[in-house]
Amino acid sequence: MKILITIQKDEVAPRFDLTSEILITETQEGKITGEPRIILLPGTSGEDICGLAIKENVALLICGGIEDTHYQYLKWKKIKVVDGVIGPHEQALHSAMTNDLRPGAILPGASIHGEKP
């Protein structure tokens, strides 16, 4: 399964449409296969991220807040979206691989107002 996570530094980006950095990785049977890729986009655009998710054949997209228009479009394209996630993107990926990630999850190690606990 191919997973896309919108990221900002070490965290899941708080806004889908305002991120310019994404992580794409493939998993199989709960393990990462190959090398995860971090892609820097030339700007911030929800439409560009949607297009990239489709082009990359992503099955699961993990993000913070997302506009309903983008959410519904991705759902229509058969991409599962887990939104409202707060915390380290590595923890989000691990939770997704163990099928424990839920929309609105606040993950261990989440920073509050830019500060780590």
PDB file of N, CA and C in Angstrom:
ATOM      1  N   MET A   1       0.846  -1.170   0.000  1.00  0.00           N
ATOM      2  CA  MET A   1       0.000   0.000   0.000  1.00  0.00           C
ATOM      3  C   MET A   1       0.892   1.233   0.000  1.00  0.00           C
ATOM      4  N   LYS A   2       0.546   2.189  -0.814  1.00  0.00           N
ATOM      5  CA  LYS A   2       1.312   3.432  -0.871  1.00  0.00           C
ATOM      6  C   LYS A   2       0.626   4.467   0.019  1.00  0.00           C
ATOM      7  N   ILE A   3       1.443   5.129   0.866  1.00  0.00           N
ATOM      8  CA  ILE A   3       0.941   6.107   1.832  1.00  0.00           C
ATOM      9  C   ILE A   3       1.577   7.462   1.554  1.00  0.00           C
ATOM     10  N   LEU A   4       0.760   8.509   1.589  1.00  0.00           N
ATOM     11  CA  LEU A   4       1.229   9.883   1.462  1.00  0.00           C
ATOM     12  C   LEU A   4       0.891  10.610   2.759  1.00  0.00           C
ATOM     13  N   ILE A   5       1.874  11.312   3.328  1.00  0.00           N
ATOM     14  CA  ILE A   5       1.660  12.111   4.538  1.00  0.00           C
ATOM     15  C   ILE A   5       2.089  13.539   4.247  1.00  0.00           C
ATOM     16  N   THR A   6       1.210  14.487   4.539  1.00  0.00           N
ATOM     17  CA  THR A   6       1.609  15.893   4.436  1.00  0.00           C
ATOM     18  C   THR A   6       2.414  16.208   5.692  1.00  0.00           C
ATOM     19  N   ILE A   7       3.611  16.794   5.515  1.00  0.00           N
ATOM     20  CA  ILE A   7       4.485  17.004   6.672  1.00  0.00           C
ATOM     21  C   ILE A   7       4.973  18.446   6.768  1.00  0.00           C
ATOM     22  N   GLN A   8       5.339  18.798   7.984  1.00  0.00           N
ATOM     23  CA  GLN A   8       5.973  20.083   8.291  1.00  0.00           C
ATOM     24  C   GLN A   8       7.012  19.785   9.358  1.00  0.00           C
ATOM     25  N   LYS A   9       8.270  19.842   8.977  1.00  0.00           N
ATOM     26  CA  LYS A   9       9.385  19.414   9.829  1.00  0.00           C
ATOM     27  C   LYS A   9       9.160  17.952  10.193  1.00  0.00           C
ATOM     28  N   ASP A  10       9.060  17.623  11.486  1.00  0.00           N
ATOM     29  CA  ASP A  10       8.881  16.231  11.908  1.00  0.00           C
ATOM     30  C   ASP A  10       7.427  15.873  12.181  1.00  0.00           C
ATOM     31  N   GLU A  11       6.525  16.801  11.934  1.00  0.00           N
ATOM     32  CA  GLU A  11       5.115  16.634  12.293  1.00  0.00           C
ATOM     33  C   GLU A  11       4.236  16.448  11.055  1.00  0.00           C
ATOM     34  N   VAL A  12       3.038  15.907  11.289  1.00  0.00           N
ATOM     35  CA  VAL A  12       2.007  15.934  10.257  1.00  0.00           C
ATOM     36  C   VAL A  12       1.625  17.402  10.089  1.00  0.00           C
ATOM     37  N   ALA A  13       1.595  17.883   8.860  1.00  0.00           N
ATOM     38  CA  ALA A  13       1.280  19.296   8.603  1.00  0.00           C
ATOM     39  C   ALA A  13      -0.133  19.613   9.096  1.00  0.00           C
ATOM     40  N   PRO A  14      -0.301  20.769   9.744  1.00  0.00           N
ATOM     41  CA  PRO A  14      -1.618  21.103  10.292  1.00  0.00           C
ATOM     42  C   PRO A  14      -2.685  21.376   9.234  1.00  0.00           C
ATOM     43  N   ARG A  15      -2.293  21.787   8.023  1.00  0.00           N
ATOM     44  CA  ARG A  15      -3.256  22.085   6.963  1.00  0.00           C
ATOM     45  C   ARG A  15      -2.827  21.418   5.666  1.00  0.00           C
ATOM     46  N   PHE A  16      -3.719  20.638   5.085  1.00  0.00           N
ATOM     47  CA  PHE A  16      -3.471  19.942   3.825  1.00  0.00           C
ATOM     48  C   PHE A  16      -3.099  20.911   2.708  1.00  0.00           C
ATOM     49  N   ASP A  17      -3.883  21.973   2.566  1.00  0.00           N
ATOM     50  CA  ASP A  17      -3.706  22.880   1.433  1.00  0.00           C
ATOM     51  C   ASP A  17      -2.592  23.904   1.619  1.00  0.00           C
ATOM     52  N   LEU A  18      -1.959  23.929   2.793  1.00  0.00           N
ATOM     53  CA  LEU A  18      -0.881  24.882   3.042  1.00  0.00           C
ATOM     54  C   LEU A  18       0.465  24.207   3.259  1.00  0.00           C
ATOM     55  N   THR A  19       0.581  22.949   2.869  1.00  0.00           N
ATOM     56  CA  THR A  19       1.857  22.256   3.022  1.00  0.00           C
ATOM     57  C   THR A  19       2.592  22.219   1.688  1.00  0.00           C
ATOM     58  N   SER A  20       3.896  22.294   1.775  1.00  0.00           N
ATOM     59  CA  SER A  20       4.703  22.193   0.552  1.00  0.00           C
ATOM     60  C   SER A  20       5.671  21.014   0.636  1.00  0.00           C
ATOM     61  N   GLU A  21       5.480  20.172   1.641  1.00  0.00           N
ATOM     62  CA  GLU A  21       6.376  19.031   1.843  1.00  0.00           C
ATOM     63  C   GLU A  21       5.531  17.790   2.111  1.00  0.00           C
ATOM     64  N   ILE A  22       5.806  16.722   1.360  1.00  0.00           N
ATOM     65  CA  ILE A  22       5.072  15.480   1.570  1.00  0.00           C
ATOM     66  C   ILE A  22       6.030  14.302   1.630  1.00  0.00           C
ATOM     67  N   LEU A  23       5.583  13.273   2.319  1.00  0.00           N
ATOM     68  CA  LEU A  23       6.339  12.026   2.415  1.00  0.00           C
ATOM     69  C   LEU A  23       5.508  10.953   1.731  1.00  0.00           C
ATOM     70  N   ILE A  24       6.136  10.169   0.872  1.00  0.00           N
ATOM     71  CA  ILE A  24       5.470   9.042   0.218  1.00  0.00           C
ATOM     72  C   ILE A  24       6.290   7.797   0.501  1.00  0.00           C
ATOM     73  N   THR A  25       5.601   6.753   0.940  1.00  0.00           N
ATOM     74  CA  THR A  25       6.281   5.490   1.206  1.00  0.00           C
ATOM     75  C   THR A  25       5.359   4.333   0.844  1.00  0.00           C
ATOM     76  N   GLU A  26       5.953   3.193   0.594  1.00  0.00           N
ATOM     77  CA  GLU A  26       5.182   1.987   0.324  1.00  0.00           C
ATOM     78  C   GLU A  26       5.340   1.029   1.489  1.00  0.00           C
ATOM     79  N   THR A  27       4.243   0.356   1.817  1.00  0.00           N
ATOM     80  CA  THR A  27       4.277  -0.629   2.890  1.00  0.00           C
ATOM     81  C   THR A  27       3.666  -1.934   2.389  1.00  0.00           C
ATOM     82  N   GLN A  28       4.096  -2.993   3.025  1.00  0.00           N
ATOM     83  CA  GLN A  28       3.540  -4.301   2.719  1.00  0.00           C
ATOM     84  C   GLN A  28       3.615  -5.132   3.988  1.00  0.00           C
ATOM     85  N   GLU A  29       2.487  -5.693   4.378  1.00  0.00           N
ATOM     86  CA  GLU A  29       2.401  -6.531   5.572  1.00  0.00           C
ATOM     87  C   GLU A  29       2.967  -5.823   6.800  1.00  0.00           C
ATOM     88  N   GLY A  30       2.651  -4.545   6.949  1.00  0.00           N
ATOM     89  CA  GLY A  30       3.060  -3.789   8.126  1.00  0.00           C
ATOM     90  C   GLY A  30       4.509  -3.346   8.153  1.00  0.00           C
ATOM     91  N   LYS A  31       5.201  -3.433   7.015  1.00  0.00           N
ATOM     92  CA  LYS A  31       6.605  -3.019   6.960  1.00  0.00           C
ATOM     93  C   LYS A  31       6.820  -2.077   5.783  1.00  0.00           C
ATOM     94  N   ILE A  32       7.760  -1.153   5.952  1.00  0.00           N
ATOM     95  CA  ILE A  32       8.112  -0.233   4.876  1.00  0.00           C
ATOM     96  C   ILE A  32       8.946  -0.987   3.849  1.00  0.00           C
ATOM     97  N   THR A  33       8.571  -0.853   2.587  1.00  0.00           N
ATOM     98  CA  THR A  33       9.348  -1.463   1.508  1.00  0.00           C
ATOM     99  C   THR A  33       9.990  -0.331   0.717  1.00  0.00           C
ATOM    100  N   GLY A  34      11.255  -0.418   0.507  1.00  0.00           N
ATOM    101  CA  GLY A  34      11.954   0.641  -0.217  1.00  0.00           C
ATOM    102  C   GLY A  34      12.238   1.840   0.670  1.00  0.00           C
ATOM    103  N   GLU A  35      12.740   2.873   0.053  1.00  0.00           N
ATOM    104  CA  GLU A  35      13.135   4.091   0.767  1.00  0.00           C
ATOM    105  C   GLU A  35      12.007   5.124   0.694  1.00  0.00           C
ATOM    106  N   PRO A  36      11.526   5.623   1.847  1.00  0.00           N
ATOM    107  CA  PRO A  36      10.527   6.696   1.812  1.00  0.00           C
ATOM    108  C   PRO A  36      11.087   7.922   1.085  1.00  0.00           C
ATOM    109  N   ARG A  37      10.221   8.614   0.357  1.00  0.00           N
ATOM    110  CA  ARG A  37      10.633   9.809  -0.384  1.00  0.00           C
ATOM    111  C   ARG A  37       9.986  11.043   0.222  1.00  0.00           C
ATOM    112  N   ILE A  38      10.771  12.092   0.400  1.00  0.00           N
ATOM    113  CA  ILE A  38      10.229  13.387   0.798  1.00  0.00           C
ATOM    114  C   ILE A  38      10.278  14.272  -0.436  1.00  0.00           C
ATOM    115  N   ILE A  39       9.129  14.821  -0.787  1.00  0.00           N
ATOM    116  CA  ILE A  39       9.014  15.657  -1.978  1.00  0.00           C
ATOM    117  C   ILE A  39       8.687  17.079  -1.549  1.00  0.00           C
ATOM    118  N   LEU A  40       9.479  18.033  -2.041  1.00  0.00           N
ATOM    119  CA  LEU A  40       9.217  19.450  -1.804  1.00  0.00           C
ATOM    120  C   LEU A  40       8.467  19.998  -3.007  1.00  0.00           C
ATOM    121  N   LEU A  41       7.296  20.543  -2.762  1.00  0.00           N
ATOM    122  CA  LEU A  41       6.491  21.119  -3.833  1.00  0.00           C
ATOM    123  C   LEU A  41       6.893  22.572  -4.045  1.00  0.00           C
ATOM    124  N   PRO A  42       6.722  23.098  -5.256  1.00  0.00           N
ATOM    125  CA  PRO A  42       7.128  24.484  -5.525  1.00  0.00           C
ATOM    126  C   PRO A  42       6.261  25.515  -4.811  1.00  0.00           C
ATOM    127  N   GLY A  43       5.116  25.108  -4.337  1.00  0.00           N
ATOM    128  CA  GLY A  43       4.214  26.015  -3.628  1.00  0.00           C
ATOM    129  C   GLY A  43       3.217  25.206  -2.826  1.00  0.00           C
ATOM    130  N   THR A  44       2.238  25.889  -2.265  1.00  0.00           N
ATOM    131  CA  THR A  44       1.217  25.200  -1.486  1.00  0.00           C
ATOM    132  C   THR A  44      -0.070  25.143  -2.298  1.00  0.00           C
ATOM    133  N   SER A  45      -0.569  23.942  -2.531  1.00  0.00           N
ATOM    134  CA  SER A  45      -1.777  23.776  -3.332  1.00  0.00           C
ATOM    135  C   SER A  45      -2.412  22.424  -3.036  1.00  0.00           C
ATOM    136  N   GLY A  46      -3.628  22.457  -2.523  1.00  0.00           N
ATOM    137  CA  GLY A  46      -4.360  21.226  -2.295  1.00  0.00           C
ATOM    138  C   GLY A  46      -4.600  20.462  -3.587  1.00  0.00           C
ATOM    139  N   GLU A  47      -4.833  21.203  -4.672  1.00  0.00           N
ATOM    140  CA  GLU A  47      -5.067  20.565  -5.968  1.00  0.00           C
ATOM    141  C   GLU A  47      -3.818  19.814  -6.440  1.00  0.00           C
ATOM    142  N   ASP A  48      -2.648  20.416  -6.232  1.00  0.00           N
ATOM    143  CA  ASP A  48      -1.400  19.748  -6.632  1.00  0.00           C
ATOM    144  C   ASP A  48      -1.174  18.472  -5.828  1.00  0.00           C
ATOM    145  N   ILE A  49      -1.476  18.518  -4.537  1.00  0.00           N
ATOM    146  CA  ILE A  49      -1.298  17.324  -3.701  1.00  0.00           C
ATOM    147  C   ILE A  49      -2.282  16.238  -4.131  1.00  0.00           C
ATOM    148  N   CYS A  50      -3.522  16.611  -4.418  1.00  0.00           N
ATOM    149  CA  CYS A  50      -4.499  15.636  -4.917  1.00  0.00           C
ATOM    150  C   CYS A  50      -4.002  14.997  -6.211  1.00  0.00           C
ATOM    151  N   GLY A  51      -3.510  15.822  -7.132  1.00  0.00           N
ATOM    152  CA  GLY A  51      -2.999  15.307  -8.401  1.00  0.00           C
ATOM    153  C   GLY A  51      -1.822  14.369  -8.215  1.00  0.00           C
ATOM    154  N   LEU A  52      -0.926  14.726  -7.300  1.00  0.00           N
ATOM    155  CA  LEU A  52       0.233  13.882  -7.028  1.00  0.00           C
ATOM    156  C   LEU A  52      -0.196  12.555  -6.401  1.00  0.00           C
ATOM    157  N   ALA A  53      -1.178  12.603  -5.501  1.00  0.00           N
ATOM    158  CA  ALA A  53      -1.676  11.374  -4.871  1.00  0.00           C
ATOM    159  C   ALA A  53      -2.237  10.421  -5.922  1.00  0.00           C
ATOM    160  N   ILE A  54      -2.946  10.960  -6.890  1.00  0.00           N
ATOM    161  CA  ILE A  54      -3.508  10.125  -7.954  1.00  0.00           C
ATOM    162  C   ILE A  54      -2.398   9.599  -8.859  1.00  0.00           C
ATOM    163  N   LYS A  55      -1.484  10.475  -9.258  1.00  0.00           N
ATOM    164  CA  LYS A  55      -0.366  10.079 -10.131  1.00  0.00           C
ATOM    165  C   LYS A  55       0.486   8.988  -9.487  1.00  0.00           C
ATOM    166  N   GLU A  56       0.697   9.088  -8.172  1.00  0.00           N
ATOM    167  CA  GLU A  56       1.530   8.125  -7.443  1.00  0.00           C
ATOM    168  C   GLU A  56       0.762   6.863  -7.041  1.00  0.00           C
ATOM    169  N   ASN A  57      -0.544   6.817  -7.356  1.00  0.00           N
ATOM    170  CA  ASN A  57      -1.380   5.669  -7.007  1.00  0.00           C
ATOM    171  C   ASN A  57      -1.407   5.422  -5.492  1.00  0.00           C
ATOM    172  N   VAL A  58      -1.592   6.497  -4.735  1.00  0.00           N
ATOM    173  CA  VAL A  58      -1.638   6.434  -3.276  1.00  0.00           C
ATOM    174  C   VAL A  58      -2.945   5.776  -2.832  1.00  0.00           C
ATOM    175  N   ALA A  59      -2.867   4.912  -1.821  1.00  0.00           N
ATOM    176  CA  ALA A  59      -4.054   4.262  -1.269  1.00  0.00           C
ATOM    177  C   ALA A  59      -4.531   4.949   0.007  1.00  0.00           C
ATOM    178  N   LEU A  60      -3.599   5.563   0.759  1.00  0.00           N
ATOM    179  CA  LEU A  60      -3.920   6.196   2.040  1.00  0.00           C
ATOM    180  C   LEU A  60      -3.212   7.536   2.127  1.00  0.00           C
ATOM    181  N   LEU A  61      -3.961   8.569   2.493  1.00  0.00           N
ATOM    182  CA  LEU A  61      -3.406   9.902   2.674  1.00  0.00           C
ATOM    183  C   LEU A  61      -3.650  10.328   4.116  1.00  0.00           C
ATOM    184  N   ILE A  62      -2.580  10.742   4.796  1.00  0.00           N
ATOM    185  CA  ILE A  62      -2.652  11.178   6.191  1.00  0.00           C
ATOM    186  C   ILE A  62      -2.355  12.670   6.227  1.00  0.00           C
ATOM    187  N   CYS A  63      -3.210  13.425   6.919  1.00  0.00           N
ATOM    188  CA  CYS A  63      -3.021  14.873   6.963  1.00  0.00           C
ATOM    189  C   CYS A  63      -3.643  15.453   8.228  1.00  0.00           C
ATOM    190  N   GLY A  64      -3.414  16.747   8.418  1.00  0.00           N
ATOM    191  CA  GLY A  64      -4.093  17.486   9.476  1.00  0.00           C
ATOM    192  C   GLY A  64      -5.455  17.906   8.947  1.00  0.00           C
ATOM    193  N   GLY A  65      -5.762  19.195   9.052  1.00  0.00           N
ATOM    194  CA  GLY A  65      -7.036  19.691   8.548  1.00  0.00           C
ATOM    195  C   GLY A  65      -7.078  19.678   7.029  1.00  0.00           C
ATOM    196  N   ILE A  66      -8.252  19.377   6.479  1.00  0.00           N
ATOM    197  CA  ILE A  66      -8.426  19.331   5.024  1.00  0.00           C
ATOM    198  C   ILE A  66      -9.804  19.884   4.678  1.00  0.00           C
ATOM    199  N   GLU A  67      -9.870  20.678   3.619  1.00  0.00           N
ATOM    200  CA  GLU A  67     -11.155  21.199   3.162  1.00  0.00           C
ATOM    201  C   GLU A  67     -12.005  20.047   2.640  1.00  0.00           C
ATOM    202  N   ASP A  68     -13.315  20.167   2.840  1.00  0.00           N
ATOM    203  CA  ASP A  68     -14.227  19.108   2.429  1.00  0.00           C
ATOM    204  C   ASP A  68     -14.151  18.834   0.926  1.00  0.00           C
ATOM    205  N   THR A  69     -13.918  19.865   0.131  1.00  0.00           N
ATOM    206  CA  THR A  69     -13.807  19.679  -1.322  1.00  0.00           C
ATOM    207  C   THR A  69     -12.688  18.703  -1.668  1.00  0.00           C
ATOM    208  N   HIS A  70     -11.513  18.890  -1.062  1.00  0.00           N
ATOM    209  CA  HIS A  70     -10.386  17.988  -1.322  1.00  0.00           C
ATOM    210  C   HIS A  70     -10.666  16.597  -0.746  1.00  0.00           C
ATOM    211  N   TYR A  71     -11.237  16.559   0.455  1.00  0.00           N
ATOM    212  CA  TYR A  71     -11.556  15.282   1.097  1.00  0.00           C
ATOM    213  C   TYR A  71     -12.497  14.459   0.204  1.00  0.00           C
ATOM    214  N   GLN A  72     -13.573  15.087  -0.251  1.00  0.00           N
ATOM    215  CA  GLN A  72     -14.556  14.378  -1.076  1.00  0.00           C
ATOM    216  C   GLN A  72     -13.963  13.950  -2.414  1.00  0.00           C
ATOM    217  N   TYR A  73     -13.114  14.774  -2.999  1.00  0.00           N
ATOM    218  CA  TYR A  73     -12.467  14.424  -4.269  1.00  0.00           C
ATOM    219  C   TYR A  73     -11.589  13.186  -4.095  1.00  0.00           C
ATOM    220  N   LEU A  74     -10.764  13.177  -3.044  1.00  0.00           N
ATOM    221  CA  LEU A  74      -9.886  12.029  -2.804  1.00  0.00           C
ATOM    222  C   LEU A  74     -10.702  10.772  -2.522  1.00  0.00           C
ATOM    223  N   LYS A  75     -11.765  10.922  -1.750  1.00  0.00           N
ATOM    224  CA  LYS A  75     -12.648   9.790  -1.457  1.00  0.00           C
ATOM    225  C   LYS A  75     -13.268   9.259  -2.759  1.00  0.00           C
ATOM    226  N   TRP A  76     -13.700  10.164  -3.632  1.00  0.00           N
ATOM    227  CA  TRP A  76     -14.269   9.786  -4.917  1.00  0.00           C
ATOM    228  C   TRP A  76     -13.249   9.028  -5.763  1.00  0.00           C
ATOM    229  N   LYS A  77     -11.974   9.390  -5.630  1.00  0.00           N
ATOM    230  CA  LYS A  77     -10.895   8.722  -6.359  1.00  0.00           C
ATOM    231  C   LYS A  77     -10.410   7.451  -5.651  1.00  0.00           C
ATOM    232  N   LYS A  78     -11.157   7.032  -4.624  1.00  0.00           N
ATOM    233  CA  LYS A  78     -10.879   5.785  -3.885  1.00  0.00           C
ATOM    234  C   LYS A  78      -9.596   5.849  -3.065  1.00  0.00           C
ATOM    235  N   ILE A  79      -9.228   7.038  -2.606  1.00  0.00           N
ATOM    236  CA  ILE A  79      -8.083   7.205  -1.714  1.00  0.00           C
ATOM    237  C   ILE A  79      -8.631   7.399  -0.307  1.00  0.00           C
ATOM    238  N   LYS A  80      -8.218   6.548   0.611  1.00  0.00           N
ATOM    239  CA  LYS A  80      -8.653   6.681   2.002  1.00  0.00           C
ATOM    240  C   LYS A  80      -7.918   7.861   2.628  1.00  0.00           C
ATOM    241  N   VAL A  81      -8.661   8.732   3.307  1.00  0.00           N
ATOM    242  CA  VAL A  81      -8.084   9.905   3.954  1.00  0.00           C
ATOM    243  C   VAL A  81      -8.270   9.782   5.459  1.00  0.00           C
ATOM    244  N   VAL A  82      -7.163   9.888   6.196  1.00  0.00           N
ATOM    245  CA  VAL A  82      -7.212   9.965   7.657  1.00  0.00           C
ATOM    246  C   VAL A  82      -6.779  11.382   7.993  1.00  0.00           C
ATOM    247  N   ASP A  83      -7.749  12.205   8.385  1.00  0.00           N
ATOM    248  CA  ASP A  83      -7.484  13.624   8.596  1.00  0.00           C
ATOM    249  C   ASP A  83      -7.544  13.999  10.071  1.00  0.00           C
ATOM    250  N   GLY A  84      -7.143  15.233  10.347  1.00  0.00           N
ATOM    251  CA  GLY A  84      -7.171  15.735  11.715  1.00  0.00           C
ATOM    252  C   GLY A  84      -6.094  15.141  12.598  1.00  0.00           C
ATOM    253  N   VAL A  85      -5.065  14.568  11.997  1.00  0.00           N
ATOM    254  CA  VAL A  85      -3.999  13.906  12.756  1.00  0.00           C
ATOM    255  C   VAL A  85      -3.001  14.952  13.246  1.00  0.00           C
ATOM    256  N   ILE A  86      -2.646  14.864  14.526  1.00  0.00           N
ATOM    257  CA  ILE A  86      -1.682  15.767  15.143  1.00  0.00           C
ATOM    258  C   ILE A  86      -0.564  14.931  15.746  1.00  0.00           C
ATOM    259  N   GLY A  87       0.683  15.252  15.386  1.00  0.00           N
ATOM    260  CA  GLY A  87       1.815  14.558  15.984  1.00  0.00           C
ATOM    261  C   GLY A  87       2.914  14.270  14.985  1.00  0.00           C
ATOM    262  N   PRO A  88       3.944  13.554  15.442  1.00  0.00           N
ATOM    263  CA  PRO A  88       5.087  13.229  14.579  1.00  0.00           C
ATOM    264  C   PRO A  88       4.658  12.362  13.388  1.00  0.00           C
ATOM    265  N   HIS A  89       5.162  12.701  12.200  1.00  0.00           N
ATOM    266  CA  HIS A  89       4.751  11.931  11.017  1.00  0.00           C
ATOM    267  C   HIS A  89       5.245  10.492  11.082  1.00  0.00           C
ATOM    268  N   GLU A  90       6.366  10.229  11.739  1.00  0.00           N
ATOM    269  CA  GLU A  90       6.839   8.840  11.871  1.00  0.00           C
ATOM    270  C   GLU A  90       5.865   8.020  12.713  1.00  0.00           C
ATOM    271  N   GLN A  91       5.330   8.623  13.770  1.00  0.00           N
ATOM    272  CA  GLN A  91       4.347   7.946  14.618  1.00  0.00           C
ATOM    273  C   GLN A  91       3.052   7.708  13.833  1.00  0.00           C
ATOM    274  N   ALA A  92       2.661   8.676  13.018  1.00  0.00           N
ATOM    275  CA  ALA A  92       1.458   8.518  12.192  1.00  0.00           C
ATOM    276  C   ALA A  92       1.630   7.349  11.222  1.00  0.00           C
ATOM    277  N   LEU A  93       2.798   7.259  10.602  1.00  0.00           N
ATOM    278  CA  LEU A  93       3.074   6.167   9.675  1.00  0.00           C
ATOM    279  C   LEU A  93       3.031   4.825  10.391  1.00  0.00           C
ATOM    280  N   HIS A  94       3.678   4.742  11.550  1.00  0.00           N
ATOM    281  CA  HIS A  94       3.674   3.495  12.323  1.00  0.00           C
ATOM    282  C   HIS A  94       2.242   3.100  12.696  1.00  0.00           C
ATOM    283  N   SER A  95       1.459   4.061  13.174  1.00  0.00           N
ATOM    284  CA  SER A  95       0.075   3.772  13.559  1.00  0.00           C
ATOM    285  C   SER A  95      -0.755   3.333  12.354  1.00  0.00           C
ATOM    286  N   ALA A  96      -0.500   3.920  11.194  1.00  0.00           N
ATOM    287  CA  ALA A  96      -1.221   3.518   9.982  1.00  0.00           C
ATOM    288  C   ALA A  96      -0.859   2.090   9.585  1.00  0.00           C
ATOM    289  N   MET A  97       0.420   1.741   9.712  1.00  0.00           N
ATOM    290  CA  MET A  97       0.860   0.399   9.323  1.00  0.00           C
ATOM    291  C   MET A  97       0.300  -0.674  10.246  1.00  0.00           C
ATOM    292  N   THR A  98      -0.009  -0.313  11.494  1.00  0.00           N
ATOM    293  CA  THR A  98      -0.600  -1.271  12.427  1.00  0.00           C
ATOM    294  C   THR A  98      -2.118  -1.135  12.474  1.00  0.00           C
ATOM    295  N   ASN A  99      -2.667  -0.328  11.559  1.00  0.00           N
ATOM    296  CA  ASN A  99      -4.108  -0.102  11.436  1.00  0.00           C
ATOM    297  C   ASN A  99      -4.718   0.527  12.691  1.00  0.00           C
ATOM    298  N   ASP A 100      -3.924   1.313  13.420  1.00  0.00           N
ATOM    299  CA  ASP A 100      -4.395   1.960  14.639  1.00  0.00           C
ATOM    300  C   ASP A 100      -4.669   3.450  14.463  1.00  0.00           C
ATOM    301  N   LEU A 101      -4.405   4.000  13.296  1.00  0.00           N
ATOM    302  CA  LEU A 101      -4.560   5.444  13.094  1.00  0.00           C
ATOM    303  C   LEU A 101      -6.010   5.775  12.775  1.00  0.00           C
ATOM    304  N   ARG A 102      -6.547   6.745  13.505  1.00  0.00           N
ATOM    305  CA  ARG A 102      -7.927   7.177  13.324  1.00  0.00           C
ATOM    306  C   ARG A 102      -7.976   8.671  13.052  1.00  0.00           C
ATOM    307  N   PRO A 103      -9.008   9.136  12.346  1.00  0.00           N
ATOM    308  CA  PRO A 103      -9.156  10.581  12.155  1.00  0.00           C
ATOM    309  C   PRO A 103      -9.203  11.305  13.503  1.00  0.00           C
ATOM    310  N   GLY A 104      -8.533  12.446  13.568  1.00  0.00           N
ATOM    311  CA  GLY A 104      -8.520  13.238  14.795  1.00  0.00           C
ATOM    312  C   GLY A 104      -7.537  12.761  15.847  1.00  0.00           C
ATOM    313  N   ALA A 105      -6.687  11.809  15.502  1.00  0.00           N
ATOM    314  CA  ALA A 105      -5.742  11.250  16.475  1.00  0.00           C
ATOM    315  C   ALA A 105      -4.715  12.294  16.918  1.00  0.00           C
ATOM    316  N   ILE A 106      -4.484  12.350  18.222  1.00  0.00           N
ATOM    317  CA  ILE A 106      -3.387  13.138  18.785  1.00  0.00           C
ATOM    318  C   ILE A 106      -2.349  12.121  19.232  1.00  0.00           C
ATOM    319  N   LEU A 107      -1.240  12.087  18.536  1.00  0.00           N
ATOM    320  CA  LEU A 107      -0.239  11.041  18.721  1.00  0.00           C
ATOM    321  C   LEU A 107       0.753  11.385  19.818  1.00  0.00           C
ATOM    322  N   PRO A 108       1.340  10.359  20.453  1.00  0.00           N
ATOM    323  CA  PRO A 108       2.386  10.615  21.449  1.00  0.00           C
ATOM    324  C   PRO A 108       3.514  11.434  20.829  1.00  0.00           C
ATOM    325  N   GLY A 109       3.989  12.417  21.560  1.00  0.00           N
ATOM    326  CA  GLY A 109       5.072  13.265  21.077  1.00  0.00           C
ATOM    327  C   GLY A 109       4.593  14.468  20.286  1.00  0.00           C
ATOM    328  N   ALA A 110       3.268  14.667  20.218  1.00  0.00           N
ATOM    329  CA  ALA A 110       2.729  15.816  19.480  1.00  0.00           C
ATOM    330  C   ALA A 110       3.197  17.109  20.127  1.00  0.00           C
ATOM    331  N   SER A 111       3.594  18.064  19.293  1.00  0.00           N
ATOM    332  CA  SER A 111       4.008  19.361  19.837  1.00  0.00           C
ATOM    333  C   SER A 111       2.773  20.231  20.032  1.00  0.00           C
ATOM    334  N   ILE A 112       2.820  21.016  21.074  1.00  0.00           N
ATOM    335  CA  ILE A 112       1.719  21.916  21.395  1.00  0.00           C
ATOM    336  C   ILE A 112       2.241  23.334  21.249  1.00  0.00           C
ATOM    337  N   HIS A 113       1.635  24.096  20.332  1.00  0.00           N
ATOM    338  CA  HIS A 113       2.076  25.471  20.051  1.00  0.00           C
ATOM    339  C   HIS A 113       3.552  25.505  19.667  1.00  0.00           C
ATOM    340  N   GLY A 114       3.987  24.484  18.901  1.00  0.00           N
ATOM    341  CA  GLY A 114       5.359  24.459  18.409  1.00  0.00           C
ATOM    342  C   GLY A 114       6.383  23.944  19.401  1.00  0.00           C
ATOM    343  N   GLU A 115       5.932  23.536  20.600  1.00  0.00           N
ATOM    344  CA  GLU A 115       6.866  23.043  21.617  1.00  0.00           C
ATOM    345  C   GLU A 115       6.614  21.571  21.875  1.00  0.00           C
ATOM    346  N   LYS A 116       7.687  20.809  21.973  1.00  0.00           N
ATOM    347  CA  LYS A 116       7.578  19.388  22.304  1.00  0.00           C
ATOM    348  C   LYS A 116       7.255  19.251  23.788  1.00  0.00           C
ATOM    349  N   PRO A 117       6.468  18.215  24.155  1.00  0.00           N
ATOM    350  CA  PRO A 117       6.147  18.010  25.581  1.00  0.00           C
ATOM    351  C   PRO A 117       7.364  17.622  26.390  1.00  0.00           C
TER     352      PRO A 117
END
